[in-house]
Amino acid sequence: MRIKVEILPWLSTSIRPGSVGSIKLEHRLSGSSFRELMEELCGVEPAVATLLYDREKDELRYPVKAAVNDKLIDFNGGMDAVLSDGDNVIIMAAYTGG
């Protein structure tokens, strides 16, 4: 199935230094969960494993958050969030404070 992935600025420039704006890609996912997507992206883009996804802990690294079709995965199954053909995944940095 095809999944559209967008990595928003700040994270995008960390993954691809010198890049401007978001990184947008379409990934052919062989699995069906957000976890499987992250595992596969680690193979495509090695910086994903370093900066976004901790494979040993099976979690996104702080301050990384993700949404599938505009719903945070935290409220949609977490790493087990089910993906479907054509879904849009956004990976972003989440900050709080003031």
N, C-alpha and C. Protein backbone atom coordinates (compact mmCIF):
# COMPACT_ATOMS: atom_id res chain seq x y z
N MET A 1 0.83 -1.18 0.00
CA MET A 1 0.00 0.00 0.00
C MET A 1 0.88 1.24 0.00
N ARG A 2 0.37 2.32 -0.53
CA ARG A 2 1.12 3.58 -0.59
C ARG A 2 0.70 4.50 0.54
N ILE A 3 1.72 5.01 1.24
CA ILE A 3 1.52 5.93 2.35
C ILE A 3 2.27 7.22 2.01
N LYS A 4 1.62 8.35 2.18
CA LYS A 4 2.27 9.65 1.99
C LYS A 4 2.82 10.09 3.34
N VAL A 5 4.09 10.45 3.36
CA VAL A 5 4.77 10.85 4.59
C VAL A 5 5.31 12.26 4.40
N GLU A 6 5.06 13.11 5.40
CA GLU A 6 5.62 14.46 5.39
C GLU A 6 6.32 14.68 6.72
N ILE A 7 7.59 15.03 6.64
CA ILE A 7 8.37 15.36 7.83
C ILE A 7 8.52 16.87 7.85
N LEU A 8 7.94 17.49 8.87
CA LEU A 8 7.87 18.95 8.91
C LEU A 8 9.21 19.59 9.25
N PRO A 9 9.33 20.89 8.91
CA PRO A 9 10.57 21.62 9.18
C PRO A 9 11.02 21.50 10.63
N TRP A 10 12.25 21.70 10.84
CA TRP A 10 13.08 21.49 12.01
C TRP A 10 13.53 20.05 11.99
N LEU A 11 12.61 19.10 11.99
CA LEU A 11 13.03 17.70 11.86
C LEU A 11 13.59 17.45 10.46
N SER A 12 12.96 18.03 9.46
CA SER A 12 13.42 17.80 8.09
C SER A 12 14.84 18.30 7.89
N THR A 13 15.16 19.46 8.46
CA THR A 13 16.52 19.99 8.29
C THR A 13 17.54 19.20 9.11
N SER A 14 17.08 18.54 10.16
CA SER A 14 17.98 17.68 10.92
C SER A 14 18.27 16.39 10.16
N ILE A 15 17.29 15.89 9.45
CA ILE A 15 17.45 14.66 8.69
C ILE A 15 18.26 14.90 7.42
N ARG A 16 17.96 16.00 6.75
CA ARG A 16 18.67 16.35 5.51
C ARG A 16 19.20 17.77 5.66
N PRO A 17 20.37 17.91 6.29
CA PRO A 17 20.94 19.24 6.48
C PRO A 17 21.00 20.03 5.17
N GLY A 18 20.62 21.29 5.29
CA GLY A 18 20.60 22.14 4.11
C GLY A 18 19.28 22.14 3.37
N SER A 19 18.38 21.23 3.74
CA SER A 19 17.09 21.20 3.07
C SER A 19 16.23 22.37 3.55
N VAL A 20 15.28 22.74 2.74
CA VAL A 20 14.37 23.83 3.07
C VAL A 20 12.95 23.29 3.02
N GLY A 21 12.18 23.55 4.07
CA GLY A 21 10.79 23.09 4.09
C GLY A 21 10.66 21.64 4.51
N SER A 22 9.51 21.10 4.22
CA SER A 22 9.19 19.72 4.59
C SER A 22 9.87 18.72 3.65
N ILE A 23 10.04 17.51 4.16
CA ILE A 23 10.42 16.38 3.32
C ILE A 23 9.13 15.64 3.03
N LYS A 24 8.81 15.48 1.77
CA LYS A 24 7.60 14.75 1.38
C LYS A 24 8.02 13.55 0.56
N LEU A 25 7.47 12.41 0.94
CA LEU A 25 7.75 11.20 0.18
C LEU A 25 6.55 10.29 0.19
N GLU A 26 6.52 9.43 -0.79
CA GLU A 26 5.48 8.41 -0.85
C GLU A 26 6.19 7.09 -0.65
N HIS A 27 5.71 6.31 0.32
CA HIS A 27 6.38 5.07 0.68
C HIS A 27 5.44 3.89 0.41
N ARG A 28 5.98 2.88 -0.23
CA ARG A 28 5.21 1.65 -0.44
C ARG A 28 5.43 0.76 0.78
N LEU A 29 4.43 0.72 1.65
CA LEU A 29 4.51 0.01 2.92
C LEU A 29 4.15 -1.46 2.73
N SER A 30 5.01 -2.34 3.21
CA SER A 30 4.70 -3.77 3.11
C SER A 30 3.89 -4.25 4.31
N GLY A 31 3.93 -3.52 5.43
CA GLY A 31 3.14 -3.87 6.60
C GLY A 31 1.85 -3.10 6.66
N SER A 32 1.34 -2.92 7.90
CA SER A 32 0.06 -2.21 8.02
C SER A 32 0.00 -1.29 9.24
N SER A 33 1.09 -1.18 10.00
CA SER A 33 1.05 -0.36 11.22
C SER A 33 2.04 0.80 11.13
N PHE A 34 1.84 1.78 11.99
CA PHE A 34 2.77 2.90 12.06
C PHE A 34 4.17 2.40 12.44
N ARG A 35 4.25 1.44 13.33
CA ARG A 35 5.54 0.85 13.73
C ARG A 35 6.28 0.30 12.51
N GLU A 36 5.56 -0.45 11.69
CA GLU A 36 6.18 -1.03 10.49
C GLU A 36 6.62 0.05 9.52
N LEU A 37 5.85 1.12 9.43
CA LEU A 37 6.27 2.25 8.60
C LEU A 37 7.58 2.82 9.11
N MET A 38 7.69 3.06 10.41
CA MET A 38 8.92 3.62 10.96
C MET A 38 10.10 2.69 10.74
N GLU A 39 9.90 1.40 10.93
CA GLU A 39 10.97 0.43 10.68
C GLU A 39 11.44 0.49 9.24
N GLU A 40 10.50 0.55 8.31
CA GLU A 40 10.87 0.60 6.90
C GLU A 40 11.54 1.92 6.55
N LEU A 41 11.08 3.03 7.13
CA LEU A 41 11.71 4.32 6.87
C LEU A 41 13.14 4.36 7.38
N CYS A 42 13.43 3.63 8.46
CA CYS A 42 14.80 3.56 8.97
C CYS A 42 15.74 3.00 7.90
N GLY A 43 15.24 2.07 7.10
CA GLY A 43 16.04 1.49 6.04
C GLY A 43 16.21 2.42 4.85
N VAL A 44 15.21 3.24 4.59
CA VAL A 44 15.23 4.17 3.46
C VAL A 44 16.03 5.42 3.80
N GLU A 45 15.86 5.91 5.00
CA GLU A 45 16.46 7.17 5.44
C GLU A 45 17.13 6.90 6.79
N PRO A 46 18.42 6.53 6.83
CA PRO A 46 19.09 6.14 8.07
C PRO A 46 18.96 7.15 9.21
N ALA A 47 18.83 8.43 8.91
CA ALA A 47 18.71 9.44 9.97
C ALA A 47 17.40 9.28 10.75
N VAL A 48 16.42 8.59 10.18
CA VAL A 48 15.16 8.35 10.90
C VAL A 48 15.45 7.57 12.17
N ALA A 49 16.30 6.56 12.09
CA ALA A 49 16.63 5.76 13.27
C ALA A 49 17.42 6.57 14.29
N THR A 50 18.22 7.48 13.83
CA THR A 50 19.04 8.28 14.73
C THR A 50 18.25 9.40 15.39
N LEU A 51 17.37 10.04 14.64
CA LEU A 51 16.72 11.25 15.12
C LEU A 51 15.24 11.11 15.48
N LEU A 52 14.54 10.18 14.86
CA LEU A 52 13.09 10.13 15.06
C LEU A 52 12.58 8.93 15.83
N TYR A 53 13.15 7.76 15.56
CA TYR A 53 12.56 6.52 16.08
C TYR A 53 13.61 5.68 16.80
N ASP A 54 13.33 5.38 18.06
CA ASP A 54 14.21 4.52 18.85
C ASP A 54 13.74 3.08 18.69
N ARG A 55 14.47 2.31 17.90
CA ARG A 55 14.06 0.94 17.60
C ARG A 55 14.09 0.05 18.84
N GLU A 56 15.06 0.23 19.71
CA GLU A 56 15.16 -0.60 20.92
C GLU A 56 13.99 -0.37 21.86
N LYS A 57 13.62 0.88 22.04
CA LYS A 57 12.49 1.21 22.94
C LYS A 57 11.15 1.15 22.23
N ASP A 58 11.18 1.02 20.90
CA ASP A 58 9.98 0.99 20.09
C ASP A 58 9.10 2.21 20.37
N GLU A 59 9.73 3.41 20.24
CA GLU A 59 8.98 4.64 20.46
C GLU A 59 9.63 5.78 19.68
N LEU A 60 8.83 6.81 19.44
CA LEU A 60 9.36 8.02 18.82
C LEU A 60 10.23 8.73 19.83
N ARG A 61 11.31 9.30 19.36
CA ARG A 61 12.21 10.05 20.24
C ARG A 61 11.59 11.40 20.57
N TYR A 62 11.83 11.90 21.79
CA TYR A 62 11.34 13.21 22.18
C TYR A 62 12.07 14.26 21.39
N PRO A 63 11.45 15.26 20.88
CA PRO A 63 10.06 15.70 20.97
C PRO A 63 9.22 15.32 19.75
N VAL A 64 9.47 14.19 19.13
CA VAL A 64 8.79 13.80 17.90
C VAL A 64 7.37 13.31 18.19
N LYS A 65 6.45 13.79 17.38
CA LYS A 65 5.05 13.35 17.41
C LYS A 65 4.65 13.00 15.99
N ALA A 66 3.61 12.21 15.85
CA ALA A 66 3.14 11.82 14.53
C ALA A 66 1.62 11.81 14.50
N ALA A 67 1.10 12.08 13.31
CA ALA A 67 -0.34 12.05 13.09
C ALA A 67 -0.62 11.27 11.82
N VAL A 68 -1.71 10.52 11.85
CA VAL A 68 -2.19 9.80 10.67
C VAL A 68 -3.53 10.42 10.31
N ASN A 69 -3.61 10.96 9.12
CA ASN A 69 -4.83 11.63 8.67
C ASN A 69 -5.32 12.66 9.69
N ASP A 70 -4.37 13.45 10.17
CA ASP A 70 -4.63 14.57 11.10
C ASP A 70 -5.03 14.14 12.52
N LYS A 71 -4.85 12.88 12.88
CA LYS A 71 -5.12 12.41 14.24
C LYS A 71 -3.81 11.92 14.85
N LEU A 72 -3.45 12.49 16.01
CA LEU A 72 -2.22 12.05 16.67
C LEU A 72 -2.28 10.55 16.93
N ILE A 73 -1.17 9.86 16.68
CA ILE A 73 -1.16 8.41 16.92
C ILE A 73 -1.33 8.10 18.39
N ASP A 74 -1.00 9.05 19.28
CA ASP A 74 -1.18 8.84 20.72
C ASP A 74 -2.62 8.47 21.05
N PHE A 75 -3.56 8.93 20.24
CA PHE A 75 -4.99 8.69 20.48
C PHE A 75 -5.58 7.74 19.45
N ASN A 76 -4.71 7.06 18.73
CA ASN A 76 -5.17 6.22 17.63
C ASN A 76 -4.41 4.90 17.56
N GLY A 77 -4.03 4.37 18.71
CA GLY A 77 -3.33 3.08 18.73
C GLY A 77 -1.84 3.15 18.92
N GLY A 78 -1.29 4.37 19.01
CA GLY A 78 0.14 4.51 19.23
C GLY A 78 0.94 3.89 18.09
N MET A 79 1.99 3.19 18.44
CA MET A 79 2.84 2.56 17.43
C MET A 79 2.07 1.49 16.64
N ASP A 80 0.97 0.99 17.21
CA ASP A 80 0.15 -0.02 16.53
C ASP A 80 -0.94 0.60 15.66
N ALA A 81 -0.96 1.93 15.52
CA ALA A 81 -1.97 2.58 14.68
C ALA A 81 -1.99 1.91 13.31
N VAL A 82 -3.17 1.55 12.87
CA VAL A 82 -3.33 0.84 11.59
C VAL A 82 -3.35 1.85 10.46
N LEU A 83 -2.55 1.55 9.43
CA LEU A 83 -2.48 2.40 8.24
C LEU A 83 -3.20 1.72 7.09
N SER A 84 -3.77 2.56 6.23
CA SER A 84 -4.47 2.07 5.05
C SER A 84 -3.92 2.76 3.81
N ASP A 85 -4.14 2.15 2.68
CA ASP A 85 -3.66 2.71 1.42
C ASP A 85 -4.11 4.16 1.27
N GLY A 86 -3.16 5.05 0.94
CA GLY A 86 -3.47 6.45 0.72
C GLY A 86 -3.42 7.32 1.96
N ASP A 87 -3.15 6.73 3.13
CA ASP A 87 -3.08 7.53 4.36
C ASP A 87 -1.98 8.57 4.28
N ASN A 88 -2.19 9.67 5.00
CA ASN A 88 -1.21 10.74 5.12
C ASN A 88 -0.64 10.71 6.52
N VAL A 89 0.67 10.59 6.63
CA VAL A 89 1.37 10.58 7.91
C VAL A 89 2.22 11.85 7.99
N ILE A 90 2.05 12.58 9.09
CA ILE A 90 2.85 13.76 9.33
C ILE A 90 3.71 13.51 10.56
N ILE A 91 5.00 13.77 10.43
CA ILE A 91 5.93 13.63 11.55
C ILE A 91 6.45 15.03 11.86
N MET A 92 6.34 15.41 13.14
CA MET A 92 6.64 16.78 13.54
C MET A 92 7.32 16.83 14.89
N ALA A 93 7.89 17.97 15.19
CA ALA A 93 8.42 18.23 16.53
C ALA A 93 7.31 18.88 17.33
N ALA A 94 7.12 18.41 18.56
CA ALA A 94 6.09 18.99 19.43
C ALA A 94 6.77 19.61 20.64
N TYR A 95 6.52 20.87 20.82
CA TYR A 95 7.09 21.60 21.94
C TYR A 95 5.99 22.19 22.78
N THR A 96 6.25 22.33 24.06
CA THR A 96 5.30 22.99 24.96
C THR A 96 6.06 23.98 25.81
N GLY A 97 5.35 24.78 26.49
CA GLY A 97 5.99 25.76 27.37
C GLY A 97 5.65 27.17 26.94
N GLY A 98 6.26 28.09 27.62
CA GLY A 98 5.93 29.47 27.24
C GLY A 98 6.84 30.45 27.89
